[in-house]
Amino acid sequence: DVLAVTGASVAVQLAGIPFYGPMAAVRVGLVGDDFIINPTYKEI
C-alpha cells in the first residue's frame, strides 16, 4: 500500500499533471522501543 502511494506521486509527475508535490508515504512500526520504517507484516 505505501509503495502504491509513493508510486502515484511519481506517476503524476511523469504525466505532467499540475501537482504541489512530490509526495511520499512510509509505514512506521514499533518493535520494542525502536521505531522502524516499512516493517514487515510480522513486525507489524
ModelCIF file with pLDDT and N, C-alpha, C, O atoms, coordinates in Angstrom:
data_MODEL
#
_entry.id   MODEL 
#
_entity.id                         1 
_entity.type                       polymer 
_entity.pdbx_number_of_molecules   1 
#
_entity_poly.entity_id                      1 
_entity_poly.type                           'polypeptide(L)' 
_entity_poly.nstd_linkage                   no 
_entity_poly.nstd_monomer                   no 
_entity_poly.pdbx_seq_one_letter_code       DVLAVTGASVAVQLAGIPFYGPMAAVRVGLVGDDFIINPTYKEI 
_entity_poly.pdbx_seq_one_letter_code_can   DVLAVTGASVAVQLAGIPFYGPMAAVRVGLVGDDFIINPTYKEI 
_entity_poly.pdbx_strand_id                 A 
#
loop_
_entity_poly_seq.entity_id 
_entity_poly_seq.num 
_entity_poly_seq.mon_id 
_entity_poly_seq.hetero 
1 1  ASP n 
1 2  VAL n 
1 3  LEU n 
1 4  ALA n 
1 5  VAL n 
1 6  THR n 
1 7  GLY n 
1 8  ALA n 
1 9  SER n 
1 10 VAL n 
1 11 ALA n 
1 12 VAL n 
1 13 GLN n 
1 14 LEU n 
1 15 ALA n 
1 16 GLY n 
1 17 ILE n 
1 18 PRO n 
1 19 PHE n 
1 20 TYR n 
1 21 GLY n 
1 22 PRO n 
1 23 MET n 
1 24 ALA n 
1 25 ALA n 
1 26 VAL n 
1 27 ARG n 
1 28 VAL n 
1 29 GLY n 
1 30 LEU n 
1 31 VAL n 
1 32 GLY n 
1 33 ASP n 
1 34 ASP n 
1 35 PHE n 
1 36 ILE n 
1 37 ILE n 
1 38 ASN n 
1 39 PRO n 
1 40 THR n 
1 41 TYR n 
1 42 LYS n 
1 43 GLU n 
1 44 ILE n 
#
_struct_asym.id          A 
_struct_asym.entity_id   1 
#
loop_
_ma_qa_metric.id 
_ma_qa_metric.mode 
_ma_qa_metric.name 
_ma_qa_metric.software_group_id 
_ma_qa_metric.type 
1 global pLDDT . pLDDT 
2 local  pLDDT . pLDDT 
#
_ma_qa_metric_global.metric_id      1 
_ma_qa_metric_global.metric_value   93.82 
_ma_qa_metric_global.model_id       1 
_ma_qa_metric_global.ordinal_id     1 
#
loop_
_ma_qa_metric_local.label_asym_id 
_ma_qa_metric_local.label_comp_id 
_ma_qa_metric_local.label_seq_id 
_ma_qa_metric_local.metric_id 
_ma_qa_metric_local.metric_value 
_ma_qa_metric_local.model_id 
_ma_qa_metric_local.ordinal_id 
A ASP 1  2 95.00 1 1  
A VAL 2  2 96.00 1 2  
A LEU 3  2 97.00 1 3  
A ALA 4  2 97.00 1 4  
A VAL 5  2 98.00 1 5  
A THR 6  2 97.00 1 6  
A GLY 7  2 98.00 1 7  
A ALA 8  2 98.00 1 8  
A SER 9  2 97.00 1 9  
A VAL 10 2 97.00 1 10 
A ALA 11 2 97.00 1 11 
A VAL 12 2 97.00 1 12 
A GLN 13 2 96.00 1 13 
A LEU 14 2 96.00 1 14 
A ALA 15 2 96.00 1 15 
A GLY 16 2 94.00 1 16 
A ILE 17 2 95.00 1 17 
A PRO 18 2 94.00 1 18 
A PHE 19 2 94.00 1 19 
A TYR 20 2 93.00 1 20 
A GLY 21 2 86.00 1 21 
A PRO 22 2 96.00 1 22 
A MET 23 2 96.00 1 23 
A ALA 24 2 97.00 1 24 
A ALA 25 2 97.00 1 25 
A VAL 26 2 96.00 1 26 
A ARG 27 2 96.00 1 27 
A VAL 28 2 96.00 1 28 
A GLY 29 2 95.00 1 29 
A LEU 30 2 94.00 1 30 
A VAL 31 2 89.00 1 31 
A GLY 32 2 88.00 1 32 
A ASP 33 2 90.00 1 33 
A ASP 34 2 92.00 1 34 
A PHE 35 2 94.00 1 35 
A ILE 36 2 93.00 1 36 
A ILE 37 2 92.00 1 37 
A ASN 38 2 91.00 1 38 
A PRO 39 2 91.00 1 39 
A THR 40 2 87.00 1 40 
A TYR 41 2 85.00 1 41 
A LYS 42 2 86.00 1 42 
A GLU 43 2 89.00 1 43 
A ILE 44 2 90.00 1 44 
#
loop_
_atom_site.group_PDB 
_atom_site.id 
_atom_site.type_symbol 
_atom_site.label_atom_id 
_atom_site.label_alt_id 
_atom_site.label_comp_id 
_atom_site.label_asym_id 
_atom_site.label_entity_id 
_atom_site.label_seq_id 
_atom_site.pdbx_PDB_ins_code 
_atom_site.Cartn_x 
_atom_site.Cartn_y 
_atom_site.Cartn_z 
_atom_site.occupancy 
_atom_site.B_iso_or_equiv 
_atom_site.pdbx_formal_charge 
_atom_site.auth_seq_id 
_atom_site.auth_comp_id 
_atom_site.auth_asym_id 
_atom_site.auth_atom_id 
_atom_site.pdbx_PDB_model_num 
ATOM 1   N N  . ASP A 1 1  ? 0.800  -1.227 0.000   1.00 95.00 ? 1  ASP A N  1 
ATOM 2   C CA . ASP A 1 1  ? 0.000  0.000  0.000   1.00 95.00 ? 1  ASP A CA 1 
ATOM 3   C C  . ASP A 1 1  ? 0.835  1.281  0.000   1.00 95.00 ? 1  ASP A C  1 
ATOM 4   O O  . ASP A 1 1  ? 0.553  2.197  -0.772  1.00 95.00 ? 1  ASP A O  1 
ATOM 5   N N  . VAL A 1 2  ? 1.874  1.359  0.867   1.00 96.00 ? 2  VAL A N  1 
ATOM 6   C CA . VAL A 1 2  ? 2.667  2.596  0.892   1.00 96.00 ? 2  VAL A CA 1 
ATOM 7   C C  . VAL A 1 2  ? 3.498  2.747  -0.380  1.00 96.00 ? 2  VAL A C  1 
ATOM 8   O O  . VAL A 1 2  ? 3.796  3.864  -0.802  1.00 96.00 ? 2  VAL A O  1 
ATOM 9   N N  . LEU A 1 3  ? 3.871  1.620  -0.990  1.00 97.00 ? 3  LEU A N  1 
ATOM 10  C CA . LEU A 1 3  ? 4.556  1.705  -2.284  1.00 97.00 ? 3  LEU A CA 1 
ATOM 11  C C  . LEU A 1 3  ? 3.635  2.309  -3.329  1.00 97.00 ? 3  LEU A C  1 
ATOM 12  O O  . LEU A 1 3  ? 4.073  3.111  -4.154  1.00 97.00 ? 3  LEU A O  1 
ATOM 13  N N  . ALA A 1 4  ? 2.359  1.931  -3.302  1.00 97.00 ? 4  ALA A N  1 
ATOM 14  C CA . ALA A 1 4  ? 1.394  2.468  -4.263  1.00 97.00 ? 4  ALA A CA 1 
ATOM 15  C C  . ALA A 1 4  ? 1.218  3.970  -4.087  1.00 97.00 ? 4  ALA A C  1 
ATOM 16  O O  . ALA A 1 4  ? 1.075  4.694  -5.072  1.00 97.00 ? 4  ALA A O  1 
ATOM 17  N N  . VAL A 1 5  ? 1.228  4.447  -2.841  1.00 98.00 ? 5  VAL A N  1 
ATOM 18  C CA . VAL A 1 5  ? 1.070  5.886  -2.586  1.00 98.00 ? 5  VAL A CA 1 
ATOM 19  C C  . VAL A 1 5  ? 2.239  6.654  -3.190  1.00 98.00 ? 5  VAL A C  1 
ATOM 20  O O  . VAL A 1 5  ? 2.036  7.629  -3.914  1.00 98.00 ? 5  VAL A O  1 
ATOM 21  N N  . THR A 1 6  ? 3.462  6.219  -2.895  1.00 97.00 ? 6  THR A N  1 
ATOM 22  C CA . THR A 1 6  ? 4.641  6.899  -3.453  1.00 97.00 ? 6  THR A CA 1 
ATOM 23  C C  . THR A 1 6  ? 4.670  6.765  -4.964  1.00 97.00 ? 6  THR A C  1 
ATOM 24  O O  . THR A 1 6  ? 5.016  7.717  -5.663  1.00 97.00 ? 6  THR A O  1 
ATOM 25  N N  . GLY A 1 7  ? 4.310  5.589  -5.480  1.00 98.00 ? 7  GLY A N  1 
ATOM 26  C CA . GLY A 1 7  ? 4.268  5.396  -6.930  1.00 98.00 ? 7  GLY A CA 1 
ATOM 27  C C  . GLY A 1 7  ? 3.295  6.338  -7.604  1.00 98.00 ? 7  GLY A C  1 
ATOM 28  O O  . GLY A 1 7  ? 3.557  6.796  -8.716  1.00 98.00 ? 7  GLY A O  1 
ATOM 29  N N  . ALA A 1 8  ? 2.169  6.645  -6.957  1.00 98.00 ? 8  ALA A N  1 
ATOM 30  C CA . ALA A 1 8  ? 1.189  7.578  -7.520  1.00 98.00 ? 8  ALA A CA 1 
ATOM 31  C C  . ALA A 1 8  ? 1.803  8.960  -7.686  1.00 98.00 ? 8  ALA A C  1 
ATOM 32  O O  . ALA A 1 8  ? 1.547  9.640  -8.680  1.00 98.00 ? 8  ALA A O  1 
ATOM 33  N N  . SER A 1 9  ? 2.611  9.379  -6.720  1.00 97.00 ? 9  SER A N  1 
ATOM 34  C CA . SER A 1 9  ? 3.280  10.681 -6.822  1.00 97.00 ? 9  SER A CA 1 
ATOM 35  C C  . SER A 1 9  ? 4.220  10.721 -8.020  1.00 97.00 ? 9  SER A C  1 
ATOM 36  O O  . SER A 1 9  ? 4.249  11.702 -8.763  1.00 97.00 ? 9  SER A O  1 
ATOM 37  N N  . VAL A 1 10 ? 4.986  9.652  -8.204  1.00 97.00 ? 10 VAL A N  1 
ATOM 38  C CA . VAL A 1 10 ? 5.919  9.595  -9.340  1.00 97.00 ? 10 VAL A CA 1 
ATOM 39  C C  . VAL A 1 10 ? 5.152  9.617  -10.656 1.00 97.00 ? 10 VAL A C  1 
ATOM 40  O O  . VAL A 1 10 ? 5.522  10.341 -11.580 1.00 97.00 ? 10 VAL A O  1 
ATOM 41  N N  . ALA A 1 11 ? 4.080  8.823  -10.743 1.00 97.00 ? 11 ALA A N  1 
ATOM 42  C CA . ALA A 1 11 ? 3.309  8.746  -11.991 1.00 97.00 ? 11 ALA A CA 1 
ATOM 43  C C  . ALA A 1 11 ? 2.674  10.088 -12.343 1.00 97.00 ? 11 ALA A C  1 
ATOM 44  O O  . ALA A 1 11 ? 2.645  10.469 -13.514 1.00 97.00 ? 11 ALA A O  1 
ATOM 45  N N  . VAL A 1 12 ? 2.169  10.802 -11.356 1.00 97.00 ? 12 VAL A N  1 
ATOM 46  C CA . VAL A 1 12 ? 1.548  12.113 -11.610 1.00 97.00 ? 12 VAL A CA 1 
ATOM 47  C C  . VAL A 1 12 ? 2.570  13.092 -12.174 1.00 97.00 ? 12 VAL A C  1 
ATOM 48  O O  . VAL A 1 12 ? 2.270  13.849 -13.098 1.00 97.00 ? 12 VAL A O  1 
ATOM 49  N N  . GLN A 1 13 ? 3.761  13.075 -11.623 1.00 96.00 ? 13 GLN A N  1 
ATOM 50  C CA . GLN A 1 13 ? 4.798  13.977 -12.138 1.00 96.00 ? 13 GLN A CA 1 
ATOM 51  C C  . GLN A 1 13 ? 5.199  13.598 -13.565 1.00 96.00 ? 13 GLN A C  1 
ATOM 52  O O  . GLN A 1 13 ? 5.382  14.465 -14.419 1.00 96.00 ? 13 GLN A O  1 
ATOM 53  N N  . LEU A 1 14 ? 5.332  12.305 -13.808 1.00 96.00 ? 14 LEU A N  1 
ATOM 54  C CA . LEU A 1 14 ? 5.686  11.859 -15.154 1.00 96.00 ? 14 LEU A CA 1 
ATOM 55  C C  . LEU A 1 14 ? 4.608  12.240 -16.168 1.00 96.00 ? 14 LEU A C  1 
ATOM 56  O O  . LEU A 1 14 ? 4.909  12.480 -17.337 1.00 96.00 ? 14 LEU A O  1 
ATOM 57  N N  . ALA A 1 15 ? 3.353  12.297 -15.720 1.00 96.00 ? 15 ALA A N  1 
ATOM 58  C CA . ALA A 1 15 ? 2.246  12.621 -16.618 1.00 96.00 ? 15 ALA A CA 1 
ATOM 59  C C  . ALA A 1 15 ? 2.118  14.120 -16.870 1.00 96.00 ? 15 ALA A C  1 
ATOM 60  O O  . ALA A 1 15 ? 1.319  14.544 -17.705 1.00 96.00 ? 15 ALA A O  1 
ATOM 61  N N  . GLY A 1 16 ? 2.904  14.925 -16.152 1.00 94.00 ? 16 GLY A N  1 
ATOM 62  C CA . GLY A 1 16 ? 2.812  16.370 -16.338 1.00 94.00 ? 16 GLY A CA 1 
ATOM 63  C C  . GLY A 1 16 ? 1.537  16.970 -15.778 1.00 94.00 ? 16 GLY A C  1 
ATOM 64  O O  . GLY A 1 16 ? 1.099  18.030 -16.226 1.00 94.00 ? 16 GLY A O  1 
ATOM 65  N N  . ILE A 1 17 ? 0.938  16.304 -14.802 1.00 95.00 ? 17 ILE A N  1 
ATOM 66  C CA . ILE A 1 17 ? -0.279 16.809 -14.166 1.00 95.00 ? 17 ILE A CA 1 
ATOM 67  C C  . ILE A 1 17 ? 0.122  17.856 -13.125 1.00 95.00 ? 17 ILE A C  1 
ATOM 68  O O  . ILE A 1 17 ? 1.047  17.619 -12.348 1.00 95.00 ? 17 ILE A O  1 
ATOM 69  N N  . PRO A 1 18 ? -0.549 18.998 -13.095 1.00 94.00 ? 18 PRO A N  1 
ATOM 70  C CA . PRO A 1 18 ? -0.222 20.007 -12.077 1.00 94.00 ? 18 PRO A CA 1 
ATOM 71  C C  . PRO A 1 18 ? -0.260 19.399 -10.680 1.00 94.00 ? 18 PRO A C  1 
ATOM 72  O O  . PRO A 1 18 ? -1.190 18.672 -10.330 1.00 94.00 ? 18 PRO A O  1 
ATOM 73  N N  . PHE A 1 19 ? 0.765  19.707 -9.890  1.00 94.00 ? 19 PHE A N  1 
ATOM 74  C CA . PHE A 1 19 ? 0.968  18.955 -8.664  1.00 94.00 ? 19 PHE A CA 1 
ATOM 75  C C  . PHE A 1 19 ? 1.820  19.762 -7.705  1.00 94.00 ? 19 PHE A C  1 
ATOM 76  O O  . PHE A 1 19 ? 2.869  20.284 -8.084  1.00 94.00 ? 19 PHE A O  1 
ATOM 77  N N  . TYR A 1 20 ? 1.368  19.866 -6.456  1.00 93.00 ? 20 TYR A N  1 
ATOM 78  C CA . TYR A 1 20 ? 2.147  20.563 -5.433  1.00 93.00 ? 20 TYR A CA 1 
ATOM 79  C C  . TYR A 1 20 ? 3.058  19.578 -4.697  1.00 93.00 ? 20 TYR A C  1 
ATOM 80  O O  . TYR A 1 20 ? 3.299  19.733 -3.499  1.00 93.00 ? 20 TYR A O  1 
ATOM 81  N N  . GLY A 1 21 ? 3.560  18.579 -5.401  1.00 86.00 ? 21 GLY A N  1 
ATOM 82  C CA . GLY A 1 21 ? 4.398  17.544 -4.789  1.00 86.00 ? 21 GLY A CA 1 
ATOM 83  C C  . GLY A 1 21 ? 5.866  17.859 -4.933  1.00 86.00 ? 21 GLY A C  1 
ATOM 84  O O  . GLY A 1 21 ? 6.255  19.017 -5.090  1.00 86.00 ? 21 GLY A O  1 
ATOM 85  N N  . PRO A 1 22 ? 6.686  16.814 -4.876  1.00 96.00 ? 22 PRO A N  1 
ATOM 86  C CA . PRO A 1 22 ? 6.370  15.387 -4.744  1.00 96.00 ? 22 PRO A CA 1 
ATOM 87  C C  . PRO A 1 22 ? 5.761  15.044 -3.375  1.00 96.00 ? 22 PRO A C  1 
ATOM 88  O O  . PRO A 1 22 ? 5.773  15.840 -2.436  1.00 96.00 ? 22 PRO A O  1 
ATOM 89  N N  . MET A 1 23 ? 5.244  13.847 -3.318  1.00 96.00 ? 23 MET A N  1 
ATOM 90  C CA . MET A 1 23 ? 4.635  13.311 -2.103  1.00 96.00 ? 23 MET A CA 1 
ATOM 91  C C  . MET A 1 23 ? 5.120  11.879 -1.933  1.00 96.00 ? 23 MET A C  1 
ATOM 92  O O  . MET A 1 23 ? 5.385  11.195 -2.922  1.00 96.00 ? 23 MET A O  1 
ATOM 93  N N  . ALA A 1 24 ? 5.238  11.420 -0.703  1.00 97.00 ? 24 ALA A N  1 
ATOM 94  C CA . ALA A 1 24 ? 5.667  10.041 -0.446  1.00 97.00 ? 24 ALA A CA 1 
ATOM 95  C C  . ALA A 1 24 ? 5.035  9.548  0.841   1.00 97.00 ? 24 ALA A C  1 
ATOM 96  O O  . ALA A 1 24 ? 4.610  10.341 1.681   1.00 97.00 ? 24 ALA A O  1 
ATOM 97  N N  . ALA A 1 25 ? 4.976  8.241  0.988   1.00 97.00 ? 25 ALA A N  1 
ATOM 98  C CA . ALA A 1 25 ? 4.405  7.640  2.197   1.00 97.00 ? 25 ALA A CA 1 
ATOM 99  C C  . ALA A 1 25 ? 5.303  6.520  2.687   1.00 97.00 ? 25 ALA A C  1 
ATOM 100 O O  . ALA A 1 25 ? 5.918  5.805  1.896   1.00 97.00 ? 25 ALA A O  1 
ATOM 101 N N  . VAL A 1 26 ? 5.369  6.379  3.998   1.00 96.00 ? 26 VAL A N  1 
ATOM 102 C CA . VAL A 1 26 ? 6.085  5.267  4.622   1.00 96.00 ? 26 VAL A CA 1 
ATOM 103 C C  . VAL A 1 26 ? 5.238  4.719  5.760   1.00 96.00 ? 26 VAL A C  1 
ATOM 104 O O  . VAL A 1 26 ? 4.359  5.398  6.290   1.00 96.00 ? 26 VAL A O  1 
ATOM 105 N N  . ARG A 1 27 ? 5.521  3.489  6.117   1.00 96.00 ? 27 ARG A N  1 
ATOM 106 C CA . ARG A 1 27 ? 4.888  2.890  7.291   1.00 96.00 ? 27 ARG A CA 1 
ATOM 107 C C  . ARG A 1 27 ? 5.900  2.888  8.425   1.00 96.00 ? 27 ARG A C  1 
ATOM 108 O O  . ARG A 1 27 ? 7.086  2.647  8.202   1.00 96.00 ? 27 ARG A O  1 
ATOM 109 N N  . VAL A 1 28 ? 5.438  3.154  9.632   1.00 96.00 ? 28 VAL A N  1 
ATOM 110 C CA . VAL A 1 28 ? 6.291  3.156  10.814  1.00 96.00 ? 28 VAL A CA 1 
ATOM 111 C C  . VAL A 1 28 ? 5.782  2.091  11.773  1.00 96.00 ? 28 VAL A C  1 
ATOM 112 O O  . VAL A 1 28 ? 4.593  2.043  12.090  1.00 96.00 ? 28 VAL A O  1 
ATOM 113 N N  . GLY A 1 29 ? 6.684  1.243  12.229  1.00 95.00 ? 29 GLY A N  1 
ATOM 114 C CA . GLY A 1 29 ? 6.341  0.243  13.232  1.00 95.00 ? 29 GLY A CA 1 
ATOM 115 C C  . GLY A 1 29 ? 7.118  0.500  14.507  1.00 95.00 ? 29 GLY A C  1 
ATOM 116 O O  . GLY A 1 29 ? 8.090  1.256  14.510  1.00 95.00 ? 29 GLY A O  1 
ATOM 117 N N  . LEU A 1 30 ? 6.694  -0.124 15.579  1.00 94.00 ? 30 LEU A N  1 
ATOM 118 C CA . LEU A 1 30 ? 7.379  -0.009 16.862  1.00 94.00 ? 30 LEU A CA 1 
ATOM 119 C C  . LEU A 1 30 ? 7.623  -1.413 17.386  1.00 94.00 ? 30 LEU A C  1 
ATOM 120 O O  . LEU A 1 30 ? 6.694  -2.113 17.787  1.00 94.00 ? 30 LEU A O  1 
ATOM 121 N N  . VAL A 1 31 ? 8.883  -1.810 17.376  1.00 89.00 ? 31 VAL A N  1 
ATOM 122 C CA . VAL A 1 31 ? 9.269  -3.124 17.876  1.00 89.00 ? 31 VAL A CA 1 
ATOM 123 C C  . VAL A 1 31 ? 10.161 -2.902 19.091  1.00 89.00 ? 31 VAL A C  1 
ATOM 124 O O  . VAL A 1 31 ? 11.266 -2.373 18.966  1.00 89.00 ? 31 VAL A O  1 
ATOM 125 N N  . GLY A 1 32 ? 9.688  -3.301 20.256  1.00 88.00 ? 32 GLY A N  1 
ATOM 126 C CA . GLY A 1 32 ? 10.400 -2.967 21.485  1.00 88.00 ? 32 GLY A CA 1 
ATOM 127 C C  . GLY A 1 32 ? 10.305 -1.475 21.718  1.00 88.00 ? 32 GLY A C  1 
ATOM 128 O O  . GLY A 1 32 ? 9.210  -0.921 21.809  1.00 88.00 ? 32 GLY A O  1 
ATOM 129 N N  . ASP A 1 33 ? 11.459 -0.823 21.815  1.00 90.00 ? 33 ASP A N  1 
ATOM 130 C CA . ASP A 1 33 ? 11.498 0.633  21.994  1.00 90.00 ? 33 ASP A CA 1 
ATOM 131 C C  . ASP A 1 33 ? 11.948 1.351  20.737  1.00 90.00 ? 33 ASP A C  1 
ATOM 132 O O  . ASP A 1 33 ? 12.201 2.555  20.771  1.00 90.00 ? 33 ASP A O  1 
ATOM 133 N N  . ASP A 1 34 ? 12.051 0.632  19.626  1.00 92.00 ? 34 ASP A N  1 
ATOM 134 C CA . ASP A 1 34 ? 12.623 1.209  18.417  1.00 92.00 ? 34 ASP A CA 1 
ATOM 135 C C  . ASP A 1 34 ? 11.571 1.368  17.319  1.00 92.00 ? 34 ASP A C  1 
ATOM 136 O O  . ASP A 1 34 ? 10.789 0.457  17.051  1.00 92.00 ? 34 ASP A O  1 
ATOM 137 N N  . PHE A 1 35 ? 11.569 2.549  16.688  1.00 94.00 ? 35 PHE A N  1 
ATOM 138 C CA . PHE A 1 35 ? 10.761 2.766  15.504  1.00 94.00 ? 35 PHE A CA 1 
ATOM 139 C C  . PHE A 1 35 ? 11.490 2.191  14.293  1.00 94.00 ? 35 PHE A C  1 
ATOM 140 O O  . PHE A 1 35 ? 12.711 2.300  14.183  1.00 94.00 ? 35 PHE A O  1 
ATOM 141 N N  . ILE A 1 36 ? 10.735 1.583  13.392  1.00 93.00 ? 36 ILE A N  1 
ATOM 142 C CA . ILE A 1 36 ? 11.331 1.060  12.168  1.00 93.00 ? 36 ILE A CA 1 
ATOM 143 C C  . ILE A 1 36 ? 10.483 1.514  10.983  1.00 93.00 ? 36 ILE A C  1 
ATOM 144 O O  . ILE A 1 36 ? 9.264  1.655  11.087  1.00 93.00 ? 36 ILE A O  1 
ATOM 145 N N  . ILE A 1 37 ? 11.156 1.739  9.855   1.00 92.00 ? 37 ILE A N  1 
ATOM 146 C CA . ILE A 1 37 ? 10.489 2.187  8.637   1.00 92.00 ? 37 ILE A CA 1 
ATOM 147 C C  . ILE A 1 37 ? 10.098 0.980  7.784   1.00 92.00 ? 37 ILE A C  1 
ATOM 148 O O  . ILE A 1 37 ? 10.875 0.039  7.621   1.00 92.00 ? 37 ILE A O  1 
ATOM 149 N N  . ASN A 1 38 ? 8.891  1.027  7.250   1.00 91.00 ? 38 ASN A N  1 
ATOM 150 C CA . ASN A 1 38 ? 8.363  -0.024 6.371   1.00 91.00 ? 38 ASN A CA 1 
ATOM 151 C C  . ASN A 1 38 ? 8.589  -1.421 6.948   1.00 91.00 ? 38 ASN A C  1 
ATOM 152 O O  . ASN A 1 38 ? 9.276  -2.243 6.342   1.00 91.00 ? 38 ASN A O  1 
ATOM 153 N N  . PRO A 1 39 ? 8.004  -1.688 8.129   1.00 91.00 ? 39 PRO A N  1 
ATOM 154 C CA . PRO A 1 39 ? 8.158  -3.006 8.744   1.00 91.00 ? 39 PRO A CA 1 
ATOM 155 C C  . PRO A 1 39 ? 7.463  -4.086 7.920   1.00 91.00 ? 39 PRO A C  1 
ATOM 156 O O  . PRO A 1 39 ? 6.589  -3.799 7.102   1.00 91.00 ? 39 PRO A O  1 
ATOM 157 N N  . THR A 1 40 ? 7.867  -5.324 8.151   1.00 87.00 ? 40 THR A N  1 
ATOM 158 C CA . THR A 1 40 ? 7.209  -6.458 7.508   1.00 87.00 ? 40 THR A CA 1 
ATOM 159 C C  . THR A 1 40 ? 5.877  -6.722 8.203   1.00 87.00 ? 40 THR A C  1 
ATOM 160 O O  . THR A 1 40 ? 5.601  -6.170 9.268   1.00 87.00 ? 40 THR A O  1 
ATOM 161 N N  . TYR A 1 41 ? 5.053  -7.575 7.587   1.00 85.00 ? 41 TYR A N  1 
ATOM 162 C CA . TYR A 1 41 ? 3.792  -7.943 8.216   1.00 85.00 ? 41 TYR A CA 1 
ATOM 163 C C  . TYR A 1 41 ? 4.031  -8.532 9.605   1.00 85.00 ? 41 TYR A C  1 
ATOM 164 O O  . TYR A 1 41 ? 3.292  -8.243 10.546  1.00 85.00 ? 41 TYR A O  1 
ATOM 165 N N  . LYS A 1 42 ? 5.062  -9.354 9.723   1.00 86.00 ? 42 LYS A N  1 
ATOM 166 C CA . LYS A 1 42 ? 5.353  -9.987 11.005  1.00 86.00 ? 42 LYS A CA 1 
ATOM 167 C C  . LYS A 1 42 ? 5.724  -8.945 12.043  1.00 86.00 ? 42 LYS A C  1 
ATOM 168 O O  . LYS A 1 42 ? 5.292  -9.034 13.193  1.00 86.00 ? 42 LYS A O  1 
ATOM 169 N N  . GLU A 1 43 ? 6.523  -7.956 11.651  1.00 89.00 ? 43 GLU A N  1 
ATOM 170 C CA . GLU A 1 43 ? 6.917  -6.897 12.587  1.00 89.00 ? 43 GLU A CA 1 
ATOM 171 C C  . GLU A 1 43 ? 5.724  -6.027 12.974  1.00 89.00 ? 43 GLU A C  1 
ATOM 172 O O  . GLU A 1 43 ? 5.643  -5.552 14.107  1.00 89.00 ? 43 GLU A O  1 
ATOM 173 N N  . ILE A 1 44 ? 4.797  -5.818 12.035  1.00 90.00 ? 44 ILE A N  1 
ATOM 174 C CA . ILE A 1 44 ? 3.590  -5.052 12.348  1.00 90.00 ? 44 ILE A CA 1 
ATOM 175 C C  . ILE A 1 44 ? 2.751  -5.794 13.379  1.00 90.00 ? 44 ILE A C  1 
ATOM 176 O O  . ILE A 1 44 ? 1.690  -5.310 13.775  1.00 90.00 ? 44 ILE A O  1 
#
